[in-house]
Amino acid sequence: MSDTPDSAVRTYTEQHRAAFLDDLAEWLRIPSVSAQPEHDGDVRRSAEWLSAKLAETGFPVTEIWETPGAPAVFAEWPSEDPDAPVVLVYGHHDVQPAAREDGWSSDPFDPVIRDGRMYGRGAADDKGQVFFHTLGVRAHLAATGRTTPAVHLKLLVEGEEESGSPHFRALAEERSARLAADAVIVSDTGMWDENTPTVCTGMRGLAECEIELYGPDQDIHSGSFGGAVPNPATALARLVAALHDTEGRVAVPGFYDGVAELTETERALFAELPFDEDVWLRTAASHAAAGEAGYSTLERVWARPTAEVNGIGGGYQGAGSKTVIPSSALAKLSFRLVAGQDPERIQEAVRTWAEALIPAGIRHRITFAPATRPCLTPLDHPALQAVARAMGRAFGTKILFTREGGSGPAADLQDVLGAPVLFLGISVPSDGWHGPDEKVELDLLLKGAETTAHLWGELADALR
């Protein structure tokens, strides 16, 4: 265990709570909405604010890294120990669009504190979770008497995550030497709930495609030509129907090649979580659970690969009837991927599968979007166990484990840097990411700072 005194850390964070929250509120007032060009200047102002605040915190190196889009912030604080491991923290400083008329109880860019919560766009996603690292590293130094962190600490805070991180991979590759690390901490995630602190161990990847089928050169009369020429809408319906077998498994040949199967330990740990399927279904606005046979709902959304039809259309869609054979049909498909799956191989497998099912006389076009790789850190990895220990010290309770069903740029860092990715977040489902009245629980925010105060010593011991 790290020699950082738990009580000293807690005392420090409580003593500096007010100033920390004042600074966070100041940052939240900058409407750094990367998706809206009119806020380009605000995104840059946000980067400049953070760079200055990190320098004020004590980071001897703070830089703004330009991209073809919004700027990122890089900071570095070398340890006085030349053999200390290197740890990179990832987050983002851009936020989702927000306006009072969206249903906010107060101005989204004028943060307010009510009932122990700070409301404002970015409070949880992701400025609050980036910013607790500044308080955490100061608490780490104060509690240990150190003048530098126990690890060689780096931060990379991008400015385009809410716009899909279009330039992030290129930035990571271009700056890979500066970003090199023994472990990556991602603080753009959350916990199970307010009373169940958890550590996420991985995220699924994503591959997306559009399948366009073309039959006649124009819509034609179904009475004159129906049953005698191929119908692209019928062909598409058959293709989509063939996507899964009767057990809910993806029927694309080779789709499951290399999939990292859940261990019995992982399945048991998932089962420890206080999961209520009825509550989950209400959250999902759905009326029944479904999916691959033999797996629980949590296992399906966290640890199994999936295929979904995101959109489908073709032919006449208006009121009444129009008896035609349509000239074209379109389906949008997405595939969530797990550890062991390679997005490029999945794309090739999907293309081969689809083309084998398209009948003669139907022309086609299959287009894939840029893919995201999955990432997973094994439960027994020393760095993951260090995160769990640090969080356990801050929260004073057993830490459980989850995964994320979605995707994000963390996998790019794992791929480019070859370092394990570890998730450290304190946000909870009620924080309302991307919605009106986004908030962060202030007590949990301070627990995040406490966790990082313990984490640097824990990682220094674990990664030697």
Protein backbone atom coordinates (compact mmCIF):
# COMPACT_ATOMS: atom_id res chain seq x y z
CA MET A 1 0.00 0.00 0.00
CA SER A 2 1.13 3.54 -0.75
CA ASP A 3 2.45 5.45 2.25
CA THR A 4 0.09 8.38 1.62
CA PRO A 5 -1.81 8.91 4.92
CA ASP A 6 -5.55 8.57 4.28
CA SER A 7 -6.56 11.08 6.95
CA ALA A 8 -4.09 13.69 5.72
CA VAL A 9 -5.46 13.41 2.20
CA ARG A 10 -9.03 13.82 3.38
CA THR A 11 -8.12 16.80 5.53
CA TYR A 12 -6.35 18.52 2.64
CA THR A 13 -9.19 18.04 0.17
CA GLU A 14 -11.78 19.31 2.64
CA GLN A 15 -9.68 22.36 3.51
CA HIS A 16 -9.33 23.27 -0.17
CA ARG A 17 -12.83 22.27 -1.24
CA ALA A 18 -14.25 25.80 -1.58
CA ALA A 19 -11.40 27.17 -3.69
CA PHE A 20 -11.43 24.04 -5.86
CA LEU A 21 -15.15 24.40 -6.57
CA ASP A 22 -14.79 28.11 -7.30
CA ASP A 23 -12.15 27.31 -9.91
CA LEU A 24 -14.24 24.55 -11.45
CA ALA A 25 -17.23 26.89 -11.70
CA GLU A 26 -15.06 29.45 -13.47
CA TRP A 27 -14.03 26.83 -16.04
CA LEU A 28 -17.62 25.67 -16.54
CA ARG A 29 -18.62 29.21 -17.46
CA ILE A 30 -16.62 28.86 -20.67
CA PRO A 31 -19.05 27.35 -23.24
CA SER A 32 -16.51 25.11 -24.97
CA VAL A 33 -18.97 23.44 -27.36
CA SER A 34 -16.81 21.80 -30.01
CA ALA A 35 -19.75 20.88 -32.26
CA GLN A 36 -20.77 24.49 -32.89
CA PRO A 37 -18.39 26.65 -34.96
CA GLU A 38 -19.58 29.81 -33.21
CA HIS A 39 -17.93 28.45 -30.05
CA ASP A 40 -14.51 27.78 -31.61
CA GLY A 41 -13.08 30.71 -29.70
CA ASP A 42 -14.58 29.43 -26.45
CA VAL A 43 -13.00 26.00 -26.96
CA ARG A 44 -9.64 27.69 -27.38
CA ARG A 45 -10.29 29.86 -24.33
CA SER A 46 -11.08 26.70 -22.36
CA ALA A 47 -7.76 25.16 -23.39
CA GLU A 48 -5.88 28.31 -22.41
CA TRP A 49 -7.68 28.45 -19.05
CA LEU A 50 -6.79 24.84 -18.26
CA SER A 51 -3.18 25.24 -19.35
CA ALA A 52 -2.77 28.23 -17.03
CA LYS A 53 -4.51 26.47 -14.14
CA LEU A 54 -2.30 23.38 -14.51
CA ALA A 55 0.77 25.61 -14.39
CA GLU A 56 -0.65 27.23 -11.26
CA THR A 57 -1.19 23.76 -9.78
CA GLY A 58 2.52 23.07 -10.15
CA PHE A 59 2.99 21.33 -13.49
CA PRO A 60 6.31 22.62 -14.81
CA VAL A 61 5.33 21.82 -18.41
CA THR A 62 2.00 22.93 -19.87
CA GLU A 63 1.42 23.19 -23.60
CA ILE A 64 -1.44 23.74 -26.01
CA TRP A 65 -1.28 21.25 -28.87
CA GLU A 66 -2.87 22.37 -32.10
CA THR A 67 -4.89 20.04 -34.33
CA PRO A 68 -6.75 20.70 -37.59
CA GLY A 69 -9.74 21.21 -35.30
CA ALA A 70 -9.83 22.20 -31.63
CA PRO A 71 -6.72 22.43 -29.44
CA ALA A 72 -5.70 19.88 -26.83
CA VAL A 73 -3.83 20.56 -23.59
CA PHE A 74 -0.73 18.63 -22.55
CA ALA A 75 0.95 18.89 -19.15
CA GLU A 76 3.83 17.05 -17.55
CA TRP A 77 5.23 16.81 -14.01
CA PRO A 78 8.35 14.64 -13.81
CA SER A 79 9.01 12.72 -10.62
CA GLU A 80 12.26 13.30 -8.77
CA ASP A 81 12.60 9.51 -8.78
CA PRO A 82 14.29 8.65 -12.10
CA ASP A 83 12.91 5.10 -11.97
CA ALA A 84 9.30 6.18 -11.36
CA PRO A 85 6.74 4.76 -13.80
CA VAL A 86 5.10 7.10 -16.28
CA VAL A 87 1.34 7.62 -16.09
CA LEU A 88 -0.77 9.51 -18.63
CA VAL A 89 -4.20 10.90 -17.65
CA TYR A 90 -6.74 11.40 -20.46
CA GLY A 91 -9.84 13.61 -20.45
CA HIS A 92 -11.52 16.26 -22.58
CA HIS A 93 -12.40 19.92 -22.09
CA ASP A 94 -15.05 20.31 -24.77
CA VAL A 95 -18.74 19.90 -23.90
CA GLN A 96 -22.08 19.13 -25.50
CA PRO A 97 -24.36 21.92 -26.74
CA ALA A 98 -26.75 23.28 -24.10
CA ALA A 99 -29.39 26.00 -23.84
CA ARG A 100 -31.83 27.03 -21.12
CA GLU A 101 -34.78 26.20 -23.37
CA ASP A 102 -33.64 22.56 -23.57
CA GLY A 103 -35.16 22.08 -20.13
CA TRP A 104 -32.45 23.38 -17.81
CA SER A 105 -33.51 24.73 -14.44
CA SER A 106 -30.77 27.36 -14.64
CA ASP A 107 -28.34 28.70 -17.23
CA PRO A 108 -26.18 25.70 -18.30
CA PHE A 109 -23.08 27.90 -18.47
CA ASP A 110 -23.64 29.66 -15.16
CA PRO A 111 -23.04 26.81 -12.70
CA VAL A 112 -24.98 26.69 -9.45
CA ILE A 113 -24.77 24.48 -6.35
CA ARG A 114 -28.00 22.97 -5.04
CA ASP A 115 -28.35 20.19 -2.46
CA GLY A 116 -24.70 19.16 -2.59
CA ARG A 117 -24.58 19.08 -6.39
CA MET A 118 -23.03 21.41 -8.94
CA TYR A 119 -25.22 21.92 -12.01
CA GLY A 120 -23.69 23.06 -15.28
CA ARG A 121 -22.70 21.74 -18.67
CA GLY A 122 -19.44 19.82 -18.27
CA ALA A 123 -19.77 19.41 -14.50
CA ALA A 124 -19.47 15.64 -14.90
CA ASP A 125 -18.63 15.23 -18.59
CA ASP A 126 -15.79 15.92 -18.44
CA LYS A 127 -14.44 19.08 -16.83
CA GLY A 128 -15.25 18.06 -13.27
CA GLN A 129 -13.53 14.71 -13.68
CA VAL A 130 -10.49 16.26 -15.33
CA PHE A 131 -10.25 18.94 -12.70
CA PHE A 132 -10.28 16.69 -9.63
CA HIS A 133 -6.79 15.62 -10.70
CA THR A 134 -5.48 19.10 -9.83
CA LEU A 135 -6.72 18.83 -6.25
CA GLY A 136 -5.65 15.20 -6.04
CA VAL A 137 -2.05 15.79 -7.00
CA ARG A 138 -1.77 18.68 -4.53
CA ALA A 139 -3.21 16.47 -1.78
CA HIS A 140 -0.75 13.74 -2.74
CA LEU A 141 2.19 16.10 -2.31
CA ALA A 142 0.90 17.67 0.90
CA ALA A 143 0.17 14.33 2.56
CA THR A 144 3.51 12.74 1.66
CA GLY A 145 5.79 15.74 1.94
CA ARG A 146 6.98 15.16 -1.60
CA THR A 147 7.87 18.00 -3.96
CA THR A 148 7.09 15.96 -7.09
CA PRO A 149 4.60 13.16 -7.73
CA ALA A 150 5.50 9.54 -7.01
CA VAL A 151 5.02 8.87 -10.75
CA HIS A 152 6.09 10.79 -13.81
CA LEU A 153 2.70 12.39 -14.41
CA LYS A 154 1.33 13.50 -17.78
CA LEU A 155 -2.08 14.86 -18.80
CA LEU A 156 -3.67 14.96 -22.24
CA VAL A 157 -6.99 16.81 -22.38
CA GLU A 158 -8.47 16.93 -25.87
CA GLY A 159 -10.94 19.45 -27.28
CA GLU A 160 -12.98 17.38 -29.73
CA GLU A 161 -14.28 14.33 -27.84
CA GLU A 162 -17.88 15.50 -28.04
CA SER A 163 -17.46 15.82 -31.80
CA GLY A 164 -16.17 12.27 -32.26
CA SER A 165 -12.43 12.93 -31.70
CA PRO A 166 -11.80 13.25 -35.46
CA HIS A 167 -8.16 14.27 -35.05
CA PHE A 168 -7.29 12.42 -31.87
CA ARG A 169 -5.72 9.30 -33.38
CA ALA A 170 -3.44 11.39 -35.59
CA LEU A 171 -2.47 13.57 -32.63
CA ALA A 172 -1.63 10.52 -30.51
CA GLU A 173 0.49 9.06 -33.30
CA GLU A 174 2.27 12.35 -34.03
CA ARG A 175 3.03 12.95 -30.33
CA SER A 176 3.53 9.33 -29.30
CA ALA A 177 7.04 9.94 -27.98
CA ARG A 178 5.82 12.71 -25.66
CA LEU A 179 2.80 10.64 -24.60
CA ALA A 180 4.71 7.39 -23.93
CA ALA A 181 3.53 5.88 -20.65
CA ASP A 182 3.46 2.71 -18.59
CA ALA A 183 -0.26 3.16 -17.90
CA VAL A 184 -3.11 5.39 -19.07
CA ILE A 185 -5.80 6.69 -16.70
CA VAL A 186 -9.06 7.67 -18.39
CA SER A 187 -11.22 10.00 -16.29
CA ASP A 188 -14.16 10.22 -18.65
CA THR A 189 -16.29 7.50 -17.16
CA GLY A 190 -18.43 6.74 -14.15
CA MET A 191 -19.46 4.44 -11.33
CA TRP A 192 -22.41 2.09 -10.94
CA ASP A 193 -24.27 4.45 -8.57
CA GLU A 194 -23.83 6.76 -5.59
CA ASN A 195 -23.51 3.86 -3.14
CA THR A 196 -21.58 1.39 -5.30
CA PRO A 197 -18.10 2.60 -6.28
CA THR A 198 -16.79 0.67 -9.24
CA VAL A 199 -13.84 0.52 -11.61
CA CYS A 200 -14.43 -0.02 -15.32
CA THR A 201 -12.09 -2.55 -16.91
CA GLY A 202 -12.78 -2.02 -20.59
CA MET A 203 -14.84 -0.57 -23.42
CA ARG A 204 -16.22 -2.12 -26.54
CA GLY A 205 -15.07 -1.06 -29.98
CA LEU A 206 -17.26 -0.01 -32.89
CA ALA A 207 -17.54 -0.71 -36.60
CA GLU A 208 -20.29 0.92 -38.69
CA CYS A 209 -21.45 0.49 -42.26
CA GLU A 210 -24.10 1.51 -44.77
CA ILE A 211 -25.39 -1.05 -47.25
CA GLU A 212 -27.09 0.42 -50.31
CA LEU A 213 -28.86 -1.86 -52.79
CA TYR A 214 -29.98 -0.77 -56.28
CA GLY A 215 -32.45 -2.57 -58.55
CA PRO A 216 -34.37 -0.87 -61.37
CA ASP A 217 -33.02 2.45 -62.57
CA GLN A 218 -36.25 4.03 -61.28
CA ASP A 219 -39.31 3.00 -59.27
CA ILE A 220 -41.43 0.76 -61.49
CA HIS A 221 -45.02 -0.57 -61.49
CA SER A 222 -45.37 -3.63 -59.25
CA GLY A 223 -48.24 -5.00 -61.34
CA SER A 224 -46.40 -4.80 -64.63
CA PHE A 225 -43.01 -5.95 -63.37
CA GLY A 226 -43.46 -7.46 -59.88
CA GLY A 227 -42.32 -11.05 -59.54
CA ALA A 228 -40.18 -10.77 -62.66
CA VAL A 229 -37.32 -8.44 -61.58
CA PRO A 230 -35.31 -8.34 -58.32
CA ASN A 231 -36.61 -6.01 -55.60
CA PRO A 232 -33.87 -4.24 -53.62
CA ALA A 233 -36.14 -3.71 -50.61
CA THR A 234 -36.91 -7.44 -50.46
CA ALA A 235 -33.22 -8.28 -50.86
CA LEU A 236 -32.33 -5.88 -48.06
CA ALA A 237 -35.01 -7.31 -45.76
CA ARG A 238 -33.64 -10.80 -46.30
CA LEU A 239 -30.09 -9.62 -45.65
CA VAL A 240 -31.05 -7.88 -42.40
CA ALA A 241 -33.10 -10.91 -41.30
CA ALA A 242 -30.00 -13.07 -41.80
CA LEU A 243 -27.88 -10.92 -39.47
CA HIS A 244 -28.66 -13.09 -36.39
CA ASP A 245 -29.45 -16.74 -35.85
CA THR A 246 -32.29 -18.04 -33.69
CA GLU A 247 -30.08 -17.91 -30.56
CA GLY A 248 -29.37 -14.19 -30.99
CA ARG A 249 -25.81 -14.76 -32.19
CA VAL A 250 -24.39 -12.69 -35.04
CA ALA A 251 -24.49 -14.93 -38.10
CA VAL A 252 -21.62 -13.30 -40.00
CA PRO A 253 -19.02 -16.08 -40.58
CA GLY A 254 -15.83 -15.39 -38.60
CA PHE A 255 -17.46 -12.69 -36.46
CA TYR A 256 -16.54 -14.39 -33.17
CA ASP A 257 -13.00 -15.37 -34.16
CA GLY A 258 -10.59 -14.35 -31.39
CA VAL A 259 -13.28 -13.05 -29.00
CA ALA A 260 -11.97 -12.90 -25.42
CA GLU A 261 -14.50 -14.94 -23.47
CA LEU A 262 -15.68 -13.89 -20.04
CA THR A 263 -13.99 -15.73 -17.20
CA GLU A 264 -16.03 -17.26 -14.42
CA THR A 265 -14.45 -14.71 -12.04
CA GLU A 266 -15.67 -11.83 -14.19
CA ARG A 267 -19.15 -13.29 -14.47
CA ALA A 268 -19.27 -13.67 -10.69
CA LEU A 269 -18.14 -10.07 -10.17
CA PHE A 270 -20.78 -8.76 -12.58
CA ALA A 271 -23.36 -10.75 -10.65
CA GLU A 272 -22.38 -8.95 -7.41
CA LEU A 273 -23.64 -5.64 -8.78
CA PRO A 274 -27.09 -4.54 -7.55
CA PHE A 275 -28.69 -4.88 -10.98
CA ASP A 276 -32.46 -4.60 -11.26
CA GLU A 277 -33.57 -5.59 -14.76
CA ASP A 278 -37.01 -3.99 -14.40
CA VAL A 279 -35.39 -0.64 -13.52
CA TRP A 280 -32.92 -1.07 -16.35
CA LEU A 281 -35.71 -1.74 -18.82
CA ARG A 282 -37.49 1.43 -17.75
CA THR A 283 -34.27 3.36 -18.31
CA ALA A 284 -34.01 1.71 -21.72
CA ALA A 285 -37.65 2.66 -22.48
CA SER A 286 -38.12 -0.99 -23.47
CA HIS A 287 -40.47 -3.79 -22.53
CA ALA A 288 -38.33 -6.94 -22.55
CA ALA A 289 -34.69 -7.97 -22.50
CA ALA A 290 -33.32 -9.84 -25.52
CA GLY A 291 -30.02 -10.87 -27.04
CA GLU A 292 -27.50 -13.65 -27.27
CA ALA A 293 -28.65 -16.78 -25.44
CA GLY A 294 -26.62 -17.90 -22.44
CA TYR A 295 -25.61 -14.46 -21.19
CA SER A 296 -27.05 -12.02 -18.69
CA THR A 297 -28.13 -8.53 -19.69
CA LEU A 298 -25.00 -6.93 -18.24
CA GLU A 299 -22.79 -9.49 -19.96
CA ARG A 300 -24.51 -8.76 -23.27
CA VAL A 301 -24.00 -4.99 -23.12
CA TRP A 302 -20.50 -5.04 -21.63
CA ALA A 303 -18.64 -8.13 -22.75
CA ARG A 304 -20.27 -9.61 -25.85
CA PRO A 305 -20.02 -8.38 -29.44
CA THR A 306 -23.24 -7.29 -31.08
CA ALA A 307 -24.78 -6.29 -34.39
CA GLU A 308 -27.61 -3.78 -34.62
CA VAL A 309 -29.75 -2.33 -37.38
CA ASN A 310 -29.63 1.42 -36.80
CA GLY A 311 -31.81 2.38 -39.71
CA ILE A 312 -33.54 0.81 -42.70
CA GLY A 313 -35.53 2.20 -45.58
CA GLY A 314 -36.51 1.97 -49.22
CA GLY A 315 -39.42 2.58 -51.47
CA TYR A 316 -42.53 4.62 -50.83
CA GLN A 317 -42.93 5.93 -47.26
CA GLY A 318 -45.83 8.37 -47.62
CA ALA A 319 -49.51 8.13 -46.77
CA GLY A 320 -51.66 5.67 -48.66
CA SER A 321 -50.29 3.24 -51.22
CA LYS A 322 -47.95 3.53 -54.14
CA THR A 323 -47.56 0.10 -55.69
CA VAL A 324 -43.99 0.22 -56.92
CA ILE A 325 -40.86 -1.85 -56.93
CA PRO A 326 -38.41 0.66 -55.46
CA SER A 327 -35.21 1.48 -57.23
CA SER A 328 -33.10 1.35 -54.05
CA ALA A 329 -32.97 0.42 -50.36
CA LEU A 330 -30.58 1.32 -47.54
CA ALA A 331 -29.59 -0.16 -44.18
CA LYS A 332 -27.28 1.28 -41.54
CA LEU A 333 -25.59 -1.33 -39.34
CA SER A 334 -23.30 -1.06 -36.34
CA PHE A 335 -21.17 -3.71 -34.66
CA ARG A 336 -19.95 -3.38 -31.07
CA LEU A 337 -16.69 -5.25 -30.68
CA VAL A 338 -14.91 -6.79 -27.70
CA ALA A 339 -11.30 -7.63 -26.89
CA GLY A 340 -9.80 -10.02 -29.41
CA GLN A 341 -11.75 -8.65 -32.38
CA ASP A 342 -9.98 -6.64 -35.05
CA PRO A 343 -12.19 -3.98 -36.67
CA GLU A 344 -10.58 -4.40 -40.09
CA ARG A 345 -11.21 -8.15 -40.06
CA ILE A 346 -14.80 -7.54 -38.96
CA GLN A 347 -15.32 -5.10 -41.82
CA GLU A 348 -13.95 -7.65 -44.29
CA ALA A 349 -16.15 -10.41 -42.83
CA VAL A 350 -19.28 -8.23 -43.00
CA ARG A 351 -18.58 -7.25 -46.61
CA THR A 352 -18.03 -10.88 -47.63
CA TRP A 353 -21.20 -12.00 -45.81
CA ALA A 354 -23.36 -9.27 -47.33
CA GLU A 355 -22.11 -9.72 -50.88
CA ALA A 356 -22.82 -13.46 -50.70
CA LEU A 357 -26.47 -12.72 -49.88
CA ILE A 358 -27.12 -10.08 -52.52
CA PRO A 359 -28.97 -11.65 -55.47
CA ALA A 360 -28.08 -11.28 -59.12
CA GLY A 361 -29.43 -8.14 -60.71
CA ILE A 362 -28.98 -6.07 -57.53
CA ARG A 363 -26.11 -3.62 -57.55
CA HIS A 364 -24.66 -2.60 -54.21
CA ARG A 365 -22.41 -0.22 -52.32
CA ILE A 366 -21.06 -1.01 -48.84
CA THR A 367 -19.38 1.87 -47.00
CA PHE A 368 -17.61 1.65 -43.64
CA ALA A 369 -16.98 4.53 -41.25
CA PRO A 370 -13.69 4.80 -39.33
CA ALA A 371 -13.67 2.09 -36.65
CA THR A 372 -12.86 2.19 -32.94
CA ARG A 373 -10.91 -0.64 -31.35
CA PRO A 374 -12.04 -2.31 -28.13
CA CYS A 375 -9.87 -2.11 -25.03
CA LEU A 376 -9.72 -4.35 -21.97
CA THR A 377 -7.39 -4.55 -18.97
CA PRO A 378 -7.31 -7.96 -17.23
CA LEU A 379 -8.61 -8.04 -13.67
CA ASP A 380 -5.28 -9.24 -12.31
CA HIS A 381 -3.23 -6.48 -13.95
CA PRO A 382 -1.15 -4.74 -11.22
CA ALA A 383 -2.14 -1.27 -12.44
CA LEU A 384 -5.85 -2.11 -12.34
CA GLN A 385 -5.50 -3.48 -8.84
CA ALA A 386 -3.70 -0.26 -7.84
CA VAL A 387 -6.69 1.79 -9.07
CA ALA A 388 -9.07 -0.42 -7.09
CA ARG A 389 -6.95 -0.07 -3.93
CA ALA A 390 -6.74 3.71 -4.27
CA MET A 391 -10.48 3.99 -4.80
CA GLY A 392 -11.15 1.65 -1.88
CA ARG A 393 -9.07 3.85 0.42
CA ALA A 394 -10.98 6.96 -0.66
CA PHE A 395 -14.44 5.40 -0.41
CA GLY A 396 -13.77 3.12 2.54
CA THR A 397 -15.58 0.18 0.97
CA LYS A 398 -15.14 -2.75 -1.42
CA ILE A 399 -14.72 -1.76 -5.05
CA LEU A 400 -16.62 -3.72 -7.69
CA PHE A 401 -15.87 -3.97 -11.41
CA THR A 402 -17.83 -3.04 -14.54
CA ARG A 403 -17.25 -2.54 -18.23
CA GLU A 404 -18.58 0.05 -20.65
CA GLY A 405 -20.86 -0.92 -23.50
CA GLY A 406 -20.00 2.14 -25.56
CA SER A 407 -16.84 3.25 -27.32
CA GLY A 408 -14.35 6.09 -27.00
CA PRO A 409 -10.85 7.30 -27.88
CA ALA A 410 -9.25 5.37 -24.99
CA ALA A 411 -8.66 2.45 -27.33
CA ASP A 412 -6.53 4.67 -29.57
CA LEU A 413 -4.22 5.40 -26.66
CA GLN A 414 -3.94 1.71 -25.85
CA ASP A 415 -3.25 0.91 -29.49
CA VAL A 416 -0.75 3.71 -30.17
CA LEU A 417 1.09 3.68 -26.83
CA GLY A 418 0.89 -0.04 -26.07
CA ALA A 419 -0.03 0.74 -22.47
CA PRO A 420 -2.87 -0.61 -20.33
CA VAL A 421 -5.90 1.68 -20.10
CA LEU A 422 -7.45 2.14 -16.66
CA PHE A 423 -10.73 3.92 -16.02
CA LEU A 424 -11.15 6.20 -13.03
CA GLY A 425 -14.41 8.12 -12.83
CA ILE A 426 -16.82 9.17 -10.10
CA SER A 427 -19.81 10.22 -12.19
CA VAL A 428 -23.10 8.40 -11.60
CA PRO A 429 -26.05 7.68 -13.94
CA SER A 430 -28.15 10.47 -12.44
CA ASP A 431 -25.58 13.08 -13.53
CA GLY A 432 -27.38 13.43 -16.86
CA TRP A 433 -24.52 13.53 -19.32
CA HIS A 434 -25.54 15.34 -22.55
CA GLY A 435 -28.97 16.18 -21.11
CA PRO A 436 -30.51 19.17 -19.31
CA ASP A 437 -29.47 19.81 -15.70
CA GLU A 438 -26.18 17.94 -16.00
CA LYS A 439 -24.63 17.85 -12.53
CA VAL A 440 -21.92 16.29 -10.41
CA GLU A 441 -22.20 15.09 -6.81
CA LEU A 442 -19.75 17.23 -4.86
CA ASP A 443 -18.92 14.60 -2.26
CA LEU A 444 -18.09 12.13 -5.04
CA LEU A 445 -16.00 14.76 -6.82
CA LEU A 446 -13.90 15.09 -3.67
CA LYS A 447 -13.66 11.30 -3.46
CA GLY A 448 -12.21 11.39 -6.96
CA ALA A 449 -9.54 13.81 -5.78
CA GLU A 450 -8.80 11.58 -2.79
CA THR A 451 -8.51 8.56 -5.06
CA THR A 452 -5.90 10.22 -7.25
CA ALA A 453 -3.99 11.40 -4.18
CA HIS A 454 -3.59 7.74 -3.22
CA LEU A 455 -3.25 6.47 -6.77
CA TRP A 456 0.15 7.87 -7.66
CA GLY A 457 1.85 6.08 -4.78
CA GLU A 458 -0.10 2.89 -5.46
CA LEU A 459 0.91 2.91 -9.12
CA ALA A 460 4.53 3.75 -8.28
CA ASP A 461 4.65 0.55 -6.20
CA ALA A 462 2.63 -1.60 -8.61
CA LEU A 463 4.48 -0.75 -11.83
CA ARG A 464 8.08 -1.05 -10.64
